[in-house]
Amino acid sequence: MAVKVAVLAGGKGTRFAEETAYRPKPLIEIGGRPILWHILKHYAAHGLFDFVVASGYKGEMIRAWAAELKLSGEIPHWGLEIVDTGAETNTGGRIRRLMRRLPGERIMLTWGDGVADVDLDALLAFHESHGRLATMTAVRPPPRFGRLELDGDRIRSFKEKPKDAEGWINGAFFVLEPEVAAYIEGDDTLFEAAPLETLAAEGQLMAYRHHGFWQCMDTLHDRKTLETLWARGDAPWARAWQKPPVFARGLAAECESLSPAIAATSA
């Protein structure tokens, strides 16, 4: 069964104002390519080619980029739809609008500002195994500072950026059943608040623990980190691209008939 991949790309990215004053955050480049391209390539490497991107802030730039990508001939088997979900709509509202356009469909969802080497086949298999409404990929954030253990003023021990010092956090890369739309009240709803809290309270939210690479791009420092990894040929999120696409779940046959679509539509 083909699975639609939804990417949220409509926020204003206010914490990255030095870049987002001029372009939407998902178009900020890593290695000369928008981070959105890196994200889509990751899904495509797992045989997932049917994308719907929720735009908003400076959405016309995302539509123009998508149109150029189609004309380049680089994505012959991709379906790529750009949906205007409003400049002021919150994350939950964007998801609700997309899910209402895709009634009855399971979606894989992520944000347009983070990369990882998540095994998407294993993620989907985990989701199908537990039978709940939602799966969130849980990650440990890259630690920024060394940890000190103090005895008064004496440093008892020092560990340089111990990864296990951080707890698990929301790493996005969701799988959502269509019933999740009912947990989102409207455009002002923050998905990371009431909807996820309620799903968790009802036992409908499961965590897929990802122990590999994950990095969001919230600041200039984050971008430089990703640029450095790319420049030295050590970008963990890109390693799957060199492997043949995984045509699991019958996607090999379906991709042949998938028509690339660039649409400036409104949800």
C-alpha atoms as a PDB file:
ATOM      1  CA  MET A   1       0.000   0.000   0.000  1.00  0.00           C
ATOM      2  CA  ALA A   2       1.346   3.416  -0.991  1.00  0.00           C
ATOM      3  CA  VAL A   3       1.800   5.815   1.909  1.00  0.00           C
ATOM      4  CA  LYS A   4       1.537   9.573   1.572  1.00  0.00           C
ATOM      5  CA  VAL A   5       4.415  11.524   3.133  1.00  0.00           C
ATOM      6  CA  ALA A   6       3.457  14.890   4.646  1.00  0.00           C
ATOM      7  CA  VAL A   7       6.021  17.570   5.437  1.00  0.00           C
ATOM      8  CA  LEU A   8       5.238  20.703   7.452  1.00  0.00           C
ATOM      9  CA  ALA A   9       6.999  23.633   5.774  1.00  0.00           C
ATOM     10  CA  GLY A  10       4.836  26.641   6.590  1.00  0.00           C
ATOM     11  CA  GLY A  11       6.224  28.094   9.813  1.00  0.00           C
ATOM     12  CA  LYS A  12       7.983  31.446  10.102  1.00  0.00           C
ATOM     13  CA  GLY A  13      11.163  30.076  11.697  1.00  0.00           C
ATOM     14  CA  THR A  14      11.519  33.081  14.013  1.00  0.00           C
ATOM     15  CA  ARG A  15      14.478  31.570  15.885  1.00  0.00           C
ATOM     16  CA  PHE A  16      16.415  31.665  12.607  1.00  0.00           C
ATOM     17  CA  ALA A  17      15.488  35.217  11.633  1.00  0.00           C
ATOM     18  CA  GLU A  18      18.847  35.978  10.005  1.00  0.00           C
ATOM     19  CA  GLU A  19      17.860  33.506   7.262  1.00  0.00           C
ATOM     20  CA  THR A  20      14.071  33.308   7.390  1.00  0.00           C
ATOM     21  CA  ALA A  21      13.600  37.032   6.821  1.00  0.00           C
ATOM     22  CA  TYR A  22      14.425  36.250   3.181  1.00  0.00           C
ATOM     23  CA  ARG A  23      13.184  32.705   2.589  1.00  0.00           C
ATOM     24  CA  PRO A  24      11.184  29.977   4.336  1.00  0.00           C
ATOM     25  CA  LYS A  25      13.212  27.808   6.660  1.00  0.00           C
ATOM     26  CA  PRO A  26      12.816  24.592   4.614  1.00  0.00           C
ATOM     27  CA  LEU A  27      14.625  26.310   1.722  1.00  0.00           C
ATOM     28  CA  ILE A  28      17.732  27.109   3.772  1.00  0.00           C
ATOM     29  CA  GLU A  29      20.497  25.195   2.046  1.00  0.00           C
ATOM     30  CA  ILE A  30      22.842  22.459   3.202  1.00  0.00           C
ATOM     31  CA  GLY A  31      25.513  21.697   0.631  1.00  0.00           C
ATOM     32  CA  GLY A  32      23.814  23.890  -1.937  1.00  0.00           C
ATOM     33  CA  ARG A  33      20.444  22.128  -1.612  1.00  0.00           C
ATOM     34  CA  PRO A  34      17.422  23.107   0.539  1.00  0.00           C
ATOM     35  CA  ILE A  35      17.021  21.039   3.695  1.00  0.00           C
ATOM     36  CA  LEU A  36      13.570  20.152   2.332  1.00  0.00           C
ATOM     37  CA  TRP A  37      15.286  18.399  -0.599  1.00  0.00           C
ATOM     38  CA  HIS A  38      17.424  16.390   1.840  1.00  0.00           C
ATOM     39  CA  ILE A  39      14.291  15.301   3.719  1.00  0.00           C
ATOM     40  CA  LEU A  40      12.427  14.239   0.578  1.00  0.00           C
ATOM     41  CA  LYS A  41      15.481  12.342  -0.671  1.00  0.00           C
ATOM     42  CA  HIS A  42      15.553  10.373   2.581  1.00  0.00           C
ATOM     43  CA  TYR A  43      11.979   9.195   2.131  1.00  0.00           C
ATOM     44  CA  ALA A  44      12.521   8.477  -1.573  1.00  0.00           C
ATOM     45  CA  ALA A  45      15.507   6.285  -0.686  1.00  0.00           C
ATOM     46  CA  HIS A  46      13.023   4.087   1.212  1.00  0.00           C
ATOM     47  CA  GLY A  47      10.689   3.808  -1.764  1.00  0.00           C
ATOM     48  CA  LEU A  48       8.313   6.555  -0.587  1.00  0.00           C
ATOM     49  CA  PHE A  49       7.678   8.985  -3.454  1.00  0.00           C
ATOM     50  CA  ASP A  50       4.227  10.490  -2.830  1.00  0.00           C
ATOM     51  CA  PHE A  51       4.697  13.839  -1.065  1.00  0.00           C
ATOM     52  CA  VAL A  52       2.402  16.594   0.128  1.00  0.00           C
ATOM     53  CA  VAL A  53       4.114  19.679   1.545  1.00  0.00           C
ATOM     54  CA  ALA A  54       2.184  22.076   3.790  1.00  0.00           C
ATOM     55  CA  SER A  55       3.330  25.589   2.935  1.00  0.00           C
ATOM     56  CA  GLY A  56       2.453  28.921   4.522  1.00  0.00           C
ATOM     57  CA  TYR A  57       5.058  31.602   5.208  1.00  0.00           C
ATOM     58  CA  LYS A  58       6.648  32.571   1.873  1.00  0.00           C
ATOM     59  CA  GLY A  59       4.932  29.570   0.348  1.00  0.00           C
ATOM     60  CA  GLU A  60       5.284  30.979  -3.154  1.00  0.00           C
ATOM     61  CA  MET A  61       9.035  30.365  -2.899  1.00  0.00           C
ATOM     62  CA  ILE A  62       8.464  26.700  -2.059  1.00  0.00           C
ATOM     63  CA  ARG A  63       6.075  26.350  -5.004  1.00  0.00           C
ATOM     64  CA  ALA A  64       8.634  27.946  -7.331  1.00  0.00           C
ATOM     65  CA  TRP A  65      11.382  25.636  -6.048  1.00  0.00           C
ATOM     66  CA  ALA A  66       9.158  22.574  -6.496  1.00  0.00           C
ATOM     67  CA  ALA A  67       8.289  23.607 -10.051  1.00  0.00           C
ATOM     68  CA  GLU A  68      11.984  23.989 -10.897  1.00  0.00           C
ATOM     69  CA  LEU A  69      12.716  20.597  -9.373  1.00  0.00           C
ATOM     70  CA  LYS A  70      10.086  18.985 -11.570  1.00  0.00           C
ATOM     71  CA  LEU A  71      11.403  20.703 -14.704  1.00  0.00           C
ATOM     72  CA  SER A  72      14.914  19.484 -13.916  1.00  0.00           C
ATOM     73  CA  GLY A  73      13.837  15.911 -14.598  1.00  0.00           C
ATOM     74  CA  GLU A  74      15.412  14.815 -11.313  1.00  0.00           C
ATOM     75  CA  ILE A  75      12.206  13.417  -9.800  1.00  0.00           C
ATOM     76  CA  PRO A  76      10.441  11.456 -12.555  1.00  0.00           C
ATOM     77  CA  HIS A  77       8.718   9.057 -10.142  1.00  0.00           C
ATOM     78  CA  TRP A  78       7.791  11.565  -7.445  1.00  0.00           C
ATOM     79  CA  GLY A  79       4.356  12.924  -6.717  1.00  0.00           C
ATOM     80  CA  LEU A  80       4.944  16.356  -5.164  1.00  0.00           C
ATOM     81  CA  GLU A  81       2.006  18.533  -4.150  1.00  0.00           C
ATOM     82  CA  ILE A  82       2.448  21.905  -2.439  1.00  0.00           C
ATOM     83  CA  VAL A  83      -0.592  22.845  -0.352  1.00  0.00           C
ATOM     84  CA  ASP A  84      -1.122  26.345   1.000  1.00  0.00           C
ATOM     85  CA  THR A  85      -2.186  25.824   4.629  1.00  0.00           C
ATOM     86  CA  GLY A  86      -2.072  29.494   5.649  1.00  0.00           C
ATOM     87  CA  ALA A  87       0.660  31.787   6.928  1.00  0.00           C
ATOM     88  CA  GLU A  88      -0.631  31.851  10.523  1.00  0.00           C
ATOM     89  CA  THR A  89      -1.804  28.255  10.906  1.00  0.00           C
ATOM     90  CA  ASN A  90      -0.220  26.254  13.724  1.00  0.00           C
ATOM     91  CA  THR A  91       1.287  22.771  13.351  1.00  0.00           C
ATOM     92  CA  GLY A  92      -1.895  20.953  14.354  1.00  0.00           C
ATOM     93  CA  GLY A  93      -3.966  23.041  11.990  1.00  0.00           C
ATOM     94  CA  ARG A  94      -1.652  22.264   9.091  1.00  0.00           C
ATOM     95  CA  ILE A  95      -1.826  18.541   9.828  1.00  0.00           C
ATOM     96  CA  ARG A  96      -5.614  18.670  10.136  1.00  0.00           C
ATOM     97  CA  ARG A  97      -5.929  20.454   6.793  1.00  0.00           C
ATOM     98  CA  LEU A  98      -3.722  17.890   5.078  1.00  0.00           C
ATOM     99  CA  MET A  99      -5.521  14.939   6.644  1.00  0.00           C
ATOM    100  CA  ARG A 100      -8.896  16.330   5.589  1.00  0.00           C
ATOM    101  CA  ARG A 101      -7.570  16.376   2.009  1.00  0.00           C
ATOM    102  CA  LEU A 102      -6.546  12.729   2.417  1.00  0.00           C
ATOM    103  CA  PRO A 103      -9.612  11.129   4.052  1.00  0.00           C
ATOM    104  CA  GLY A 104      -9.056   7.613   5.323  1.00  0.00           C
ATOM    105  CA  GLU A 105      -5.328   7.604   4.550  1.00  0.00           C
ATOM    106  CA  ARG A 106      -2.462   6.779   6.856  1.00  0.00           C
ATOM    107  CA  ILE A 107       0.324   9.342   6.544  1.00  0.00           C
ATOM    108  CA  MET A 108       3.974   9.561   7.439  1.00  0.00           C
ATOM    109  CA  LEU A 109       4.727  13.029   8.764  1.00  0.00           C
ATOM    110  CA  THR A 110       7.773  15.098   9.568  1.00  0.00           C
ATOM    111  CA  TRP A 111       8.864  18.696   9.978  1.00  0.00           C
ATOM    112  CA  GLY A 112      10.696  20.533   7.200  1.00  0.00           C
ATOM    113  CA  ASP A 113      13.710  21.499   9.305  1.00  0.00           C
ATOM    114  CA  GLY A 114      15.399  18.334  10.516  1.00  0.00           C
ATOM    115  CA  VAL A 115      17.348  15.399   9.095  1.00  0.00           C
ATOM    116  CA  ALA A 116      18.048  11.922  10.419  1.00  0.00           C
ATOM    117  CA  ASP A 117      19.029   8.427   9.335  1.00  0.00           C
ATOM    118  CA  VAL A 118      15.800   6.894  10.637  1.00  0.00           C
ATOM    119  CA  ASP A 119      15.050   3.486   9.131  1.00  0.00           C
ATOM    120  CA  LEU A 120      11.631   4.374   7.718  1.00  0.00           C
ATOM    121  CA  ASP A 121      10.791   0.765   6.856  1.00  0.00           C
ATOM    122  CA  ALA A 122      11.417  -0.282  10.443  1.00  0.00           C
ATOM    123  CA  LEU A 123       9.422   2.714  11.686  1.00  0.00           C
ATOM    124  CA  LEU A 124       6.420   1.763   9.567  1.00  0.00           C
ATOM    125  CA  ALA A 125       6.695  -1.908  10.539  1.00  0.00           C
ATOM    126  CA  PHE A 126       6.771  -0.913  14.222  1.00  0.00           C
ATOM    127  CA  HIS A 127       3.672   1.228  13.756  1.00  0.00           C
ATOM    128  CA  GLU A 128       1.805  -1.590  12.042  1.00  0.00           C
ATOM    129  CA  SER A 129       2.800  -4.017  14.803  1.00  0.00           C
ATOM    130  CA  HIS A 130       1.232  -2.143  17.725  1.00  0.00           C
ATOM    131  CA  GLY A 131      -2.122  -1.131  16.250  1.00  0.00           C
ATOM    132  CA  ARG A 132      -2.327   2.299  17.921  1.00  0.00           C
ATOM    133  CA  LEU A 133      -3.251   5.548  16.193  1.00  0.00           C
ATOM    134  CA  ALA A 134       0.118   7.293  16.241  1.00  0.00           C
ATOM    135  CA  THR A 135       3.835   6.612  16.360  1.00  0.00           C
ATOM    136  CA  MET A 136       6.416   9.268  17.174  1.00  0.00           C
ATOM    137  CA  THR A 137      10.115   8.783  16.565  1.00  0.00           C
ATOM    138  CA  ALA A 138      11.882   9.390  19.875  1.00  0.00           C
ATOM    139  CA  VAL A 139      15.477  10.632  19.752  1.00  0.00           C
ATOM    140  CA  ARG A 140      18.165  11.787  22.115  1.00  0.00           C
ATOM    141  CA  PRO A 141      19.172  15.366  21.207  1.00  0.00           C
ATOM    142  CA  PRO A 142      22.817  16.018  20.387  1.00  0.00           C
ATOM    143  CA  PRO A 143      24.335  17.329  23.638  1.00  0.00           C
ATOM    144  CA  ARG A 144      25.812  20.813  23.413  1.00  0.00           C
ATOM    145  CA  PHE A 145      27.870  20.990  26.585  1.00  0.00           C
ATOM    146  CA  GLY A 146      30.040  18.846  28.809  1.00  0.00           C
ATOM    147  CA  ARG A 147      28.562  17.678  32.127  1.00  0.00           C
ATOM    148  CA  LEU A 148      30.138  18.439  35.487  1.00  0.00           C
ATOM    149  CA  GLU A 149      29.542  16.608  38.757  1.00  0.00           C
ATOM    150  CA  LEU A 150      30.414  18.908  41.655  1.00  0.00           C
ATOM    151  CA  ASP A 151      31.309  18.289  45.282  1.00  0.00           C
ATOM    152  CA  GLY A 152      31.042  21.792  46.668  1.00  0.00           C
ATOM    153  CA  ASP A 153      33.466  23.783  44.531  1.00  0.00           C
ATOM    154  CA  ARG A 154      35.454  20.714  43.537  1.00  0.00           C
ATOM    155  CA  ILE A 155      34.763  19.090  40.196  1.00  0.00           C
ATOM    156  CA  ARG A 156      34.280  15.422  40.996  1.00  0.00           C
ATOM    157  CA  SER A 157      33.993  14.336  37.360  1.00  0.00           C
ATOM    158  CA  PHE A 158      33.741  15.781  33.894  1.00  0.00           C
ATOM    159  CA  LYS A 159      32.223  14.147  30.842  1.00  0.00           C
ATOM    160  CA  GLU A 160      32.517  15.814  27.454  1.00  0.00           C
ATOM    161  CA  LYS A 161      29.022  15.961  25.957  1.00  0.00           C
ATOM    162  CA  PRO A 162      27.720  12.582  27.178  1.00  0.00           C
ATOM    163  CA  LYS A 163      24.853  11.657  24.892  1.00  0.00           C
ATOM    164  CA  ASP A 164      23.096   9.550  27.515  1.00  0.00           C
ATOM    165  CA  ALA A 165      22.745  12.605  29.746  1.00  0.00           C
ATOM    166  CA  GLU A 166      19.813  13.762  27.654  1.00  0.00           C
ATOM    167  CA  GLY A 167      16.354  12.253  27.808  1.00  0.00           C
ATOM    168  CA  TRP A 168      14.222  11.161  24.887  1.00  0.00           C
ATOM    169  CA  ILE A 169      12.490  13.922  22.938  1.00  0.00           C
ATOM    170  CA  ASN A 170      10.100  14.287  20.011  1.00  0.00           C
ATOM    171  CA  GLY A 171      12.155  13.732  16.861  1.00  0.00           C
ATOM    172  CA  ALA A 172       9.123  14.001  14.537  1.00  0.00           C
ATOM    173  CA  PHE A 173       9.104  11.306  11.795  1.00  0.00           C
ATOM    174  CA  PHE A 174       5.564  10.255  12.718  1.00  0.00           C
ATOM    175  CA  VAL A 175       3.177   7.655  11.384  1.00  0.00           C
ATOM    176  CA  LEU A 176      -0.456   8.729  11.852  1.00  0.00           C
ATOM    177  CA  GLU A 177      -3.731   6.953  11.263  1.00  0.00           C
ATOM    178  CA  PRO A 178      -6.595   9.056   9.823  1.00  0.00           C
ATOM    179  CA  GLU A 179      -8.418   9.102  13.179  1.00  0.00           C
ATOM    180  CA  VAL A 180      -5.729  11.439  14.540  1.00  0.00           C
ATOM    181  CA  ALA A 181      -7.390  14.349  12.713  1.00  0.00           C
ATOM    182  CA  ALA A 182     -10.243  14.225  15.234  1.00  0.00           C
ATOM    183  CA  TYR A 183      -7.805  15.110  18.031  1.00  0.00           C
ATOM    184  CA  ILE A 184      -6.999  18.471  16.402  1.00  0.00           C
ATOM    185  CA  GLU A 185      -9.493  21.224  17.140  1.00  0.00           C
ATOM    186  CA  GLY A 186      -8.579  23.816  14.508  1.00  0.00           C
ATOM    187  CA  ASP A 187      -5.993  26.047  12.857  1.00  0.00           C
ATOM    188  CA  ASP A 188      -4.698  27.432  16.167  1.00  0.00           C
ATOM    189  CA  THR A 189      -3.953  24.005  17.631  1.00  0.00           C
ATOM    190  CA  LEU A 190      -0.341  23.170  18.404  1.00  0.00           C
ATOM    191  CA  PHE A 191       0.050  19.485  17.534  1.00  0.00           C
ATOM    192  CA  GLU A 192       2.756  19.071  20.152  1.00  0.00           C
ATOM    193  CA  ALA A 193       0.338  20.137  22.920  1.00  0.00           C
ATOM    194  CA  ALA A 194      -3.260  18.900  23.380  1.00  0.00           C
ATOM    195  CA  PRO A 195      -3.413  16.388  20.478  1.00  0.00           C
ATOM    196  CA  LEU A 196      -0.264  14.487  21.432  1.00  0.00           C
ATOM    197  CA  GLU A 197      -1.000  14.822  25.154  1.00  0.00           C
ATOM    198  CA  THR A 198      -4.477  13.348  24.672  1.00  0.00           C
ATOM    199  CA  LEU A 199      -3.247  10.557  22.412  1.00  0.00           C
ATOM    200  CA  ALA A 200      -0.635   9.672  25.044  1.00  0.00           C
ATOM    201  CA  ALA A 201      -3.175   9.759  27.882  1.00  0.00           C
ATOM    202  CA  GLU A 202      -5.438   7.399  25.942  1.00  0.00           C
ATOM    203  CA  GLY A 203      -2.605   4.979  25.214  1.00  0.00           C
ATOM    204  CA  GLN A 204      -2.746   5.735  21.483  1.00  0.00           C
ATOM    205  CA  LEU A 205       0.773   7.193  21.077  1.00  0.00           C
ATOM    206  CA  MET A 206       3.778   4.911  20.772  1.00  0.00           C
ATOM    207  CA  ALA A 207       7.495   5.721  20.622  1.00  0.00           C
ATOM    208  CA  TYR A 208       9.830   4.329  18.009  1.00  0.00           C
ATOM    209  CA  ARG A 209      13.273   4.743  19.575  1.00  0.00           C
ATOM    210  CA  HIS A 210      15.877   5.923  17.115  1.00  0.00           C
ATOM    211  CA  HIS A 211      19.453   5.499  18.327  1.00  0.00           C
ATOM    212  CA  GLY A 212      21.154   6.882  15.240  1.00  0.00           C
ATOM    213  CA  PHE A 213      21.751  10.342  13.827  1.00  0.00           C
ATOM    214  CA  TRP A 214      19.203  13.143  14.242  1.00  0.00           C
ATOM    215  CA  GLN A 215      19.664  16.900  13.978  1.00  0.00           C
ATOM    216  CA  CYS A 216      17.167  19.737  13.767  1.00  0.00           C
ATOM    217  CA  MET A 217      18.142  23.075  12.220  1.00  0.00           C
ATOM    218  CA  ASP A 218      16.915  25.744  14.632  1.00  0.00           C
ATOM    219  CA  THR A 219      19.945  28.035  14.683  1.00  0.00           C
ATOM    220  CA  LEU A 220      22.905  29.178  12.606  1.00  0.00           C
ATOM    221  CA  HIS A 221      25.074  26.867  14.721  1.00  0.00           C
ATOM    222  CA  ASP A 222      22.884  23.891  13.731  1.00  0.00           C
ATOM    223  CA  ARG A 223      23.198  24.805  10.070  1.00  0.00           C
ATOM    224  CA  LYS A 224      26.987  25.046  10.337  1.00  0.00           C
ATOM    225  CA  THR A 225      27.051  21.608  11.975  1.00  0.00           C
ATOM    226  CA  LEU A 226      25.124  20.090   9.082  1.00  0.00           C
ATOM    227  CA  GLU A 227      27.205  21.970   6.505  1.00  0.00           C
ATOM    228  CA  THR A 228      30.399  20.656   8.080  1.00  0.00           C
ATOM    229  CA  LEU A 229      29.177  17.054   7.961  1.00  0.00           C
ATOM    230  CA  TRP A 230      28.140  17.468   4.330  1.00  0.00           C
ATOM    231  CA  ALA A 231      31.360  19.176   3.255  1.00  0.00           C
ATOM    232  CA  ARG A 232      33.570  16.417   4.629  1.00  0.00           C
ATOM    233  CA  GLY A 233      31.443  13.685   3.050  1.00  0.00           C
ATOM    234  CA  ASP A 234      30.153  12.421   6.376  1.00  0.00           C
ATOM    235  CA  ALA A 235      26.429  13.247   6.278  1.00  0.00           C
ATOM    236  CA  PRO A 236      24.725  10.312   8.060  1.00  0.00           C
ATOM    237  CA  TRP A 237      21.271  11.233   6.774  1.00  0.00           C
ATOM    238  CA  ALA A 238      22.440  10.859   3.154  1.00  0.00           C
ATOM    239  CA  ARG A 239      24.007   7.404   3.350  1.00  0.00           C
ATOM    240  CA  ALA A 240      20.833   5.630   2.271  1.00  0.00           C
ATOM    241  CA  TRP A 241      20.722   7.609  -0.975  1.00  0.00           C
ATOM    242  CA  GLN A 242      23.591   5.592  -2.422  1.00  0.00           C
ATOM    243  CA  LYS A 243      21.633   2.355  -1.947  1.00  0.00           C
ATOM    244  CA  PRO A 244      18.974   1.087  -4.381  1.00  0.00           C
ATOM    245  CA  PRO A 245      15.499   2.323  -3.361  1.00  0.00           C
ATOM    246  CA  VAL A 246      13.551  -0.052  -1.155  1.00  0.00           C
ATOM    247  CA  PHE A 247      10.408  -1.024  -3.025  1.00  0.00           C
ATOM    248  CA  ALA A 248       8.676  -2.568  -0.049  1.00  0.00           C
ATOM    249  CA  ARG A 249       4.914  -2.938   0.234  1.00  0.00           C
ATOM    250  CA  GLY A 250       4.406  -3.109  -3.534  1.00  0.00           C
ATOM    251  CA  LEU A 251       5.710   0.388  -4.242  1.00  0.00           C
ATOM    252  CA  ALA A 252       7.843  -0.712  -7.205  1.00  0.00           C
ATOM    253  CA  ALA A 253       4.824  -1.222  -9.403  1.00  0.00           C
ATOM    254  CA  GLU A 254       2.988   1.810  -8.110  1.00  0.00           C
ATOM    255  CA  CYS A 255       5.809   4.266  -8.716  1.00  0.00           C
ATOM    256  CA  GLU A 256       5.727   3.504 -12.448  1.00  0.00           C
ATOM    257  CA  SER A 257       2.239   4.952 -12.740  1.00  0.00           C
ATOM    258  CA  LEU A 258       2.708   7.789 -10.228  1.00  0.00           C
ATOM    259  CA  SER A 259       2.283  11.105 -11.979  1.00  0.00           C
ATOM    260  CA  PRO A 260       4.430  13.959 -10.626  1.00  0.00           C
ATOM    261  CA  ALA A 261       2.114  16.785  -9.644  1.00  0.00           C
ATOM    262  CA  ILE A 262       3.085  20.271  -8.623  1.00  0.00           C
ATOM    263  CA  ALA A 263      -0.046  22.005  -7.399  1.00  0.00           C
ATOM    264  CA  ALA A 264      -0.555  25.432  -5.882  1.00  0.00           C
ATOM    265  CA  THR A 265      -3.636  24.316  -4.021  1.00  0.00           C
ATOM    266  CA  SER A 266      -5.319  25.502  -0.864  1.00  0.00           C
ATOM    267  CA  ALA A 267      -6.512  23.348   2.017  1.00  0.00           C
END
